[in-house]
Amino acid sequence: MKKVAILTTGGTIAMGGPPFKVAFSIDDLLNSFPELRSMAELESQDVFSIDSSNMTPEHWQQLADATYSYLTRRDIDGIVITHGTDTMEYSTIALALMLQGLNKPVVFTGSMKTMGEDKGHVRRNLVDAIQVAAESDINEVTLCFAGDENSTYTNVYRGSRVVKYDANANNGFLCPHDDPIATVSAGRIIYNEALRHSHEEPNLITALETKVSLIGASPFNKSLFLDGLKGAILCSEVDESDPFSHMSTCHYEEIKKALSSGTIVGVVNDFSPSILKNDPELLEAGAIPLGDLSYSKALVKLAWVLPQCGSNKELAKQMMQQDYVGEITPGSYEIK
C-alpha cells in the first residue's frame, strides 16, 4: 500500500459552525471519512490551524519546511495539503517556487463549504487528492478541486497557475491560460498533458522579501505608496484590463522615481507587452513586462526572486521572466 502524508493548515475544510471557525484536526477529518484510510497508509500532521485569510509569508515558509521533510523520505509516495481557499492561489505558487525538482506529488485541496454544509463536496476533494498523491506521477505542486458544481469529479490544476475566480461555486478554481493537468473521475486519473518528470532531490529555497506589494492607480489616489517597497507589481483595477488606464502624470513620476532608486516594478496582464510598446515611458525607466503571469503569482514570485538577486536589476528581470514551474508562458512578455 502506498504511503501519503497529509498536512493540514486549517481553512473551510476544517471549519465547524455557524459561527464558522476552524474546529477540526486532521484526525477529525479522517474519522469523518473512514474510507480514506483504505486508500493509502496515511501519516498526518497539523502544521497550523488558521483561516487562510490570515496566511502570511512566514506560514508559507513553515509549510514548505514541513513539506520538504516528507519529500526527502523514501517511504512517502505523495503529500496532500489541506488549505483554505481565500489564499490558496498564493500558497500554491509559494510552495511551487520554494520546492523545485520534485520527485513525488504535492497536492493541495480544500473546500468551498464546510462538512456540515456539503459533506459530499469535502469528501470528493479529499478522496481524489489522496488518489492523485498516491497513484499519479504528477511530480509538482498542484491543486485537486471540484470540477463541477455538484462535485462529481475533480480537476488537477498546476499550482503555479491556478486562481480562485468564484467564491460561491464549488468549482471556483481555474487556470486562466492552461487546461487542467488531469481529471479524476469515477476513480480514474485521466491525464490531459505530458507530465514533468523529475528524479532529483528537491531544492528548498524559502527566503522571501516581504516589502513587496500590488499597486494600482485610480482617479481617487494621488500616490501609489511606493516608499519603502523593494518591489511592486503594477496591476489594473479589473483583471485583463489596461493597468495604465487611470495612470496620471503623478503616478508615472512616482513609479519612475521608485525605479531609479532601485525598486523592482513588474507590469502584469496579457496586454502588458503591447501596452508598454505603445506607452514605453515605464519600460525605458526599467519596468519589467510579465506577460500572462497573474497578479497573485507575480507578487509571490517577486518576493521569492528578490532575496536571490540582491540589487542586480538585470538578474531580477531575467528571473521574473524565466519560467520555473509553469507559471509564465515563455515569450508572453516580449515587446514586438
Protein backbone atom coordinates (compact mmCIF):
# COMPACT_ATOMS: atom_id res chain seq x y z
CA MET A 1 0.00 0.00 0.00
CA LYS A 2 1.25 3.48 -0.89
CA LYS A 3 2.00 5.93 1.91
CA VAL A 4 0.72 9.51 1.83
CA ALA A 5 1.46 12.35 4.23
CA ILE A 6 -1.45 14.70 4.93
CA LEU A 7 -0.57 18.17 6.20
CA THR A 8 -3.34 20.44 7.45
CA THR A 9 -3.35 24.22 7.74
CA GLY A 10 -6.99 24.98 8.62
CA GLY A 11 -9.40 26.68 6.22
CA THR A 12 -13.06 25.99 5.44
CA ILE A 13 -12.44 22.26 5.12
CA ALA A 14 -11.59 22.21 8.84
CA MET A 15 -14.35 24.58 9.95
CA GLY A 16 -17.46 23.96 12.03
CA GLY A 17 -20.29 26.32 12.72
CA PRO A 18 -22.04 28.62 12.43
CA PRO A 19 -20.35 30.71 13.62
CA PHE A 20 -17.74 29.44 11.17
CA LYS A 21 -14.31 28.90 12.66
CA VAL A 22 -11.53 26.34 12.35
CA ALA A 23 -12.57 23.49 14.64
CA PHE A 24 -11.37 20.17 13.21
CA SER A 25 -7.97 18.47 13.28
CA ILE A 26 -6.76 16.05 10.62
CA ASP A 27 -7.84 13.15 12.82
CA ASP A 28 -11.36 14.60 12.92
CA LEU A 29 -11.40 14.77 9.12
CA LEU A 30 -10.12 11.22 8.72
CA ASN A 31 -12.63 9.90 11.24
CA SER A 32 -15.41 11.59 9.26
CA PHE A 33 -14.40 9.65 6.14
CA PRO A 34 -13.16 6.18 7.24
CA GLU A 35 -12.71 5.06 3.62
CA LEU A 36 -9.71 7.38 3.28
CA ARG A 37 -7.61 5.03 5.41
CA SER A 38 -8.22 2.20 2.96
CA MET A 39 -6.82 4.19 0.04
CA ALA A 40 -3.28 4.52 1.38
CA GLU A 41 -1.29 4.35 4.57
CA LEU A 42 -1.77 7.84 5.96
CA GLU A 43 0.59 9.85 8.13
CA SER A 44 -0.75 13.19 9.28
CA GLN A 45 0.48 16.46 10.73
CA ASP A 46 -1.42 19.58 11.77
CA VAL A 47 1.12 22.21 10.65
CA PHE A 48 -1.09 25.07 11.84
CA SER A 49 -4.81 25.75 12.06
CA ILE A 50 -5.94 29.14 10.73
CA ASP A 51 -8.40 30.83 8.43
CA SER A 52 -6.39 31.16 5.23
CA SER A 53 -7.17 34.88 5.03
CA ASN A 54 -4.64 35.13 7.89
CA MET A 55 -1.92 33.32 5.91
CA THR A 56 1.45 35.12 5.86
CA PRO A 57 4.82 34.54 4.16
CA GLU A 58 6.05 33.09 7.45
CA HIS A 59 3.30 30.46 7.22
CA TRP A 60 4.42 29.57 3.68
CA GLN A 61 7.98 29.08 4.91
CA GLN A 62 6.79 26.91 7.78
CA LEU A 63 4.64 24.85 5.42
CA ALA A 64 7.48 24.48 2.90
CA ASP A 65 9.82 23.24 5.62
CA ALA A 66 7.25 20.70 6.80
CA THR A 67 6.57 19.54 3.23
CA TYR A 68 10.28 19.22 2.48
CA SER A 69 10.75 16.92 5.47
CA TYR A 70 8.31 14.46 3.86
CA LEU A 71 9.65 14.92 0.33
CA THR A 72 13.05 13.66 1.43
CA ARG A 73 11.63 10.49 3.00
CA ARG A 74 11.81 7.41 0.79
CA ASP A 75 8.77 5.81 2.44
CA ILE A 76 6.45 8.68 1.45
CA ASP A 77 4.88 8.42 -2.02
CA GLY A 78 3.00 11.70 -2.07
CA ILE A 79 1.79 14.62 0.04
CA VAL A 80 -1.65 16.18 0.46
CA ILE A 81 -2.03 19.67 1.95
CA THR A 82 -5.45 20.85 3.11
CA HIS A 83 -5.81 24.62 2.92
CA GLY A 84 -8.38 27.41 2.89
CA THR A 85 -9.49 28.76 -0.47
CA ASP A 86 -9.06 32.50 0.17
CA THR A 87 -5.28 32.47 -0.27
CA MET A 88 -4.88 29.06 -1.95
CA GLU A 89 -3.53 30.64 -5.15
CA TYR A 90 -0.78 32.43 -3.19
CA SER A 91 0.27 29.36 -1.22
CA THR A 92 0.40 27.05 -4.24
CA ILE A 93 2.82 29.30 -6.15
CA ALA A 94 4.85 29.92 -2.98
CA LEU A 95 5.43 26.21 -2.44
CA ALA A 96 5.91 25.54 -6.15
CA LEU A 97 8.80 28.04 -6.21
CA MET A 98 10.24 27.09 -2.83
CA LEU A 99 10.21 23.35 -3.62
CA GLN A 100 11.52 22.63 -7.12
CA GLY A 101 12.76 19.40 -8.64
CA LEU A 102 10.00 17.37 -7.00
CA ASN A 103 10.15 13.60 -7.28
CA LYS A 104 6.66 13.00 -5.91
CA PRO A 105 3.28 14.78 -5.99
CA VAL A 106 2.41 17.64 -3.65
CA VAL A 107 -1.36 18.05 -3.86
CA PHE A 108 -3.30 20.93 -2.30
CA THR A 109 -7.00 20.61 -1.66
CA GLY A 110 -9.70 22.26 0.41
CA SER A 111 -13.39 23.03 0.17
CA MET A 112 -15.76 25.88 -0.56
CA LYS A 113 -18.19 24.63 2.05
CA THR A 114 -17.88 23.06 5.50
CA MET A 115 -18.66 19.42 6.16
CA GLY A 116 -21.93 20.49 7.72
CA GLU A 117 -22.92 22.37 4.56
CA ASP A 118 -21.81 19.87 1.88
CA LYS A 119 -20.09 16.73 3.11
CA GLY A 120 -20.05 15.23 -0.37
CA HIS A 121 -18.02 18.16 -1.70
CA VAL A 122 -15.45 17.77 1.08
CA ARG A 123 -15.28 14.01 0.58
CA ARG A 124 -14.77 14.23 -3.19
CA ASN A 125 -11.89 16.69 -2.87
CA LEU A 126 -10.14 14.66 -0.14
CA VAL A 127 -10.61 11.27 -1.82
CA ASP A 128 -9.33 12.44 -5.18
CA ALA A 129 -6.42 14.41 -3.71
CA ILE A 130 -5.22 11.31 -1.85
CA GLN A 131 -5.57 9.25 -5.01
CA VAL A 132 -3.50 11.75 -7.01
CA ALA A 133 -0.83 11.83 -4.29
CA ALA A 134 -0.67 8.05 -4.02
CA GLU A 135 -1.06 6.91 -7.61
CA SER A 136 -0.09 9.66 -10.05
CA ASP A 137 3.24 10.72 -11.48
CA ILE A 138 2.39 14.43 -11.32
CA ASN A 139 5.61 15.45 -9.63
CA GLU A 140 4.82 19.08 -8.99
CA VAL A 141 2.66 21.27 -6.77
CA THR A 142 -0.98 21.01 -7.83
CA LEU A 143 -4.49 21.75 -6.63
CA CYS A 144 -7.09 18.97 -6.77
CA PHE A 145 -10.56 20.51 -6.59
CA ALA A 146 -14.15 20.01 -7.70
CA GLY A 147 -14.59 20.31 -11.46
CA ASP A 148 -18.34 20.92 -11.39
CA GLU A 149 -20.88 22.44 -9.00
CA ASN A 150 -22.08 19.00 -7.85
CA SER A 151 -18.51 17.78 -7.13
CA THR A 152 -18.99 14.67 -9.27
CA TYR A 153 -15.35 14.83 -10.41
CA THR A 154 -12.23 16.88 -9.72
CA ASN A 155 -9.67 18.68 -11.83
CA VAL A 156 -5.96 18.73 -11.08
CA TYR A 157 -4.60 22.23 -11.70
CA ARG A 158 -0.98 23.38 -11.88
CA GLY A 159 -0.33 25.18 -8.59
CA SER A 160 1.75 27.86 -10.27
CA ARG A 161 -1.20 28.90 -12.48
CA VAL A 162 -4.43 28.19 -10.62
CA VAL A 163 -6.54 31.08 -9.33
CA LYS A 164 -9.81 31.39 -7.46
CA TYR A 165 -12.40 33.00 -9.73
CA ASP A 166 -15.70 32.36 -7.89
CA ALA A 167 -16.02 32.41 -4.10
CA ASN A 168 -19.52 30.93 -4.21
CA ALA A 169 -19.11 27.96 -6.55
CA ASN A 170 -17.90 24.51 -5.52
CA ASN A 171 -15.79 24.53 -8.69
CA GLY A 172 -14.45 28.02 -8.06
CA PHE A 173 -10.88 27.49 -9.36
CA LEU A 174 -9.38 27.54 -12.84
CA CYS A 175 -6.13 28.15 -14.73
CA PRO A 176 -6.60 31.18 -17.00
CA HIS A 177 -4.05 30.04 -19.60
CA ASP A 178 -3.96 26.28 -19.09
CA ASP A 179 -6.28 23.31 -19.11
CA PRO A 180 -6.17 21.09 -16.03
CA ILE A 181 -3.21 18.72 -15.92
CA ALA A 182 -5.58 15.84 -15.20
CA THR A 183 -9.15 14.98 -14.27
CA VAL A 184 -10.18 12.45 -11.64
CA SER A 185 -13.49 10.80 -12.43
CA ALA A 186 -15.07 7.56 -11.21
CA GLY A 187 -11.82 6.51 -9.57
CA ARG A 188 -9.68 7.07 -12.71
CA ILE A 189 -6.96 9.66 -13.24
CA ILE A 190 -7.23 10.96 -16.80
CA TYR A 191 -4.12 12.85 -17.90
CA ASN A 192 -4.61 15.83 -20.19
CA GLU A 193 -0.97 16.66 -20.94
CA ALA A 194 2.54 15.28 -20.75
CA LEU A 195 3.89 15.34 -17.22
CA ARG A 196 7.03 16.95 -15.87
CA HIS A 197 9.19 14.15 -14.51
CA SER A 198 11.99 14.61 -12.04
CA HIS A 199 14.19 12.10 -10.31
CA GLU A 200 16.23 14.67 -8.46
CA GLU A 201 16.34 15.57 -4.82
CA PRO A 202 14.04 18.57 -4.30
CA ASN A 203 15.51 22.01 -3.72
CA LEU A 204 14.40 24.15 -0.79
CA ILE A 205 14.67 27.93 -1.20
CA THR A 206 12.35 29.69 1.24
CA ALA A 207 13.79 33.20 1.62
CA LEU A 208 11.18 35.87 0.83
CA GLU A 209 11.26 39.67 0.64
CA THR A 210 8.16 40.92 2.44
CA LYS A 211 8.44 44.57 1.36
CA VAL A 212 6.51 43.98 -1.86
CA SER A 213 3.00 44.97 -2.90
CA LEU A 214 0.43 45.13 -5.66
CA ILE A 215 -0.11 48.71 -6.77
CA GLY A 216 -2.89 50.19 -8.88
CA ALA A 217 -3.88 53.67 -9.97
CA SER A 218 -7.33 55.21 -9.83
CA PRO A 219 -8.73 58.75 -10.08
CA PHE A 220 -9.02 58.75 -6.28
CA ASN A 221 -5.40 58.06 -5.30
CA LYS A 222 -2.67 60.55 -5.99
CA SER A 223 0.00 58.25 -4.56
CA LEU A 224 0.82 54.59 -5.16
CA PHE A 225 2.58 54.39 -1.77
CA LEU A 226 5.82 53.00 -3.16
CA ASP A 227 8.06 54.45 -0.44
CA GLY A 228 9.85 51.70 1.45
CA LEU A 229 9.00 48.95 -1.03
CA LYS A 230 11.69 46.71 -2.54
CA GLY A 231 9.37 45.60 -5.30
CA ALA A 232 5.89 46.17 -6.70
CA ILE A 233 3.54 44.68 -9.27
CA LEU A 234 1.54 47.23 -11.28
CA CYS A 235 -1.94 45.85 -11.86
CA SER A 236 -5.25 47.06 -13.20
CA GLU A 237 -8.39 47.52 -11.15
CA VAL A 238 -10.10 44.84 -13.26
CA ASP A 239 -8.47 41.61 -14.43
CA GLU A 240 -7.22 41.76 -18.03
CA SER A 241 -7.84 45.50 -18.35
CA ASP A 242 -5.28 48.19 -19.08
CA PRO A 243 -3.28 48.91 -15.88
CA PHE A 244 -2.35 52.29 -17.35
CA SER A 245 -5.90 53.48 -17.99
CA HIS A 246 -6.03 55.51 -14.76
CA MET A 247 -2.35 56.47 -14.62
CA SER A 248 -1.88 60.20 -14.14
CA THR A 249 1.34 62.16 -14.55
CA CYS A 250 1.99 62.00 -10.82
CA HIS A 251 1.66 58.19 -10.89
CA TYR A 252 4.18 57.92 -13.73
CA GLU A 253 6.62 60.18 -11.93
CA GLU A 254 6.27 58.22 -8.70
CA ILE A 255 6.98 54.90 -10.43
CA LYS A 256 9.94 56.30 -12.36
CA LYS A 257 11.37 57.71 -9.14
CA ALA A 258 10.99 54.32 -7.44
CA LEU A 259 12.65 52.57 -10.39
CA SER A 260 15.59 54.98 -10.30
CA SER A 261 16.05 54.30 -6.59
CA GLY A 262 16.29 50.53 -7.14
CA THR A 263 12.70 49.34 -6.64
CA ILE A 264 11.75 46.49 -8.98
CA VAL A 265 8.43 47.11 -10.72
CA GLY A 266 6.68 44.47 -12.82
CA VAL A 267 3.72 45.03 -15.16
CA VAL A 268 1.23 42.19 -15.32
CA ASN A 269 -1.57 41.28 -17.67
CA ASP A 270 -1.97 39.74 -21.09
CA PHE A 271 -1.68 43.14 -22.72
CA SER A 272 1.49 44.34 -20.99
CA PRO A 273 3.84 43.90 -24.00
CA SER A 274 1.65 45.93 -26.37
CA ILE A 275 0.78 48.48 -23.68
CA LEU A 276 4.45 49.07 -22.90
CA LYS A 277 5.24 49.29 -26.61
CA ASN A 278 2.60 51.97 -27.15
CA ASP A 279 3.44 53.75 -23.90
CA PRO A 280 7.15 52.99 -23.41
CA GLU A 281 7.86 55.53 -20.68
CA LEU A 282 7.97 52.98 -17.87
CA LEU A 283 9.71 50.35 -19.98
CA GLU A 284 12.52 52.78 -20.69
CA ALA A 285 12.71 53.53 -16.96
CA GLY A 286 13.17 49.83 -16.19
CA ALA A 287 9.71 48.34 -15.57
CA ILE A 288 9.58 44.61 -16.30
CA PRO A 289 6.82 43.25 -18.59
CA LEU A 290 5.50 39.97 -17.21
CA GLY A 291 3.09 38.84 -19.89
CA ASP A 292 0.48 36.31 -18.75
CA LEU A 293 1.79 35.88 -15.22
CA SER A 294 -1.22 36.55 -12.96
CA TYR A 295 -1.17 39.22 -10.26
CA SER A 296 -1.11 36.89 -7.26
CA LYS A 297 1.54 34.67 -8.81
CA ALA A 298 3.67 37.65 -9.85
CA LEU A 299 3.64 39.12 -6.35
CA VAL A 300 4.76 35.88 -4.68
CA LYS A 301 7.37 35.28 -7.39
CA LEU A 302 8.75 38.78 -6.88
CA ALA A 303 9.03 38.14 -3.13
CA TRP A 304 10.92 34.90 -3.89
CA VAL A 305 13.20 36.39 -6.56
CA LEU A 306 14.39 39.49 -4.71
CA PRO A 307 16.46 37.77 -1.96
CA GLN A 308 18.30 35.83 -4.68
CA CYS A 309 19.19 38.77 -6.92
CA GLY A 310 20.03 41.49 -4.40
CA SER A 311 20.39 44.84 -6.15
CA ASN A 312 21.07 43.29 -9.57
CA LYS A 313 18.19 44.65 -11.66
CA GLU A 314 19.08 42.69 -14.78
CA LEU A 315 19.15 39.42 -12.83
CA ALA A 316 15.78 40.33 -11.29
CA LYS A 317 14.35 40.85 -14.77
CA GLN A 318 15.76 37.55 -16.02
CA MET A 319 14.40 35.64 -13.04
CA MET A 320 10.95 37.27 -13.17
CA GLN A 321 10.60 36.40 -16.86
CA GLN A 322 12.00 32.89 -16.53
CA ASP A 323 9.55 30.01 -16.37
CA TYR A 324 10.48 27.94 -13.31
CA VAL A 325 7.37 25.87 -12.59
CA GLY A 326 4.96 26.60 -15.43
CA GLU A 327 3.87 29.96 -14.03
CA ILE A 328 4.50 32.05 -17.16
CA THR A 329 4.31 31.31 -20.87
CA PRO A 330 7.82 31.80 -22.33
CA GLY A 331 7.85 34.79 -24.62
CA SER A 332 4.50 36.20 -23.48
CA TYR A 333 6.34 39.22 -22.09
CA GLU A 334 8.21 40.04 -25.31
CA ILE A 335 7.75 43.50 -26.83
CA LYS A 336 7.02 43.02 -30.54
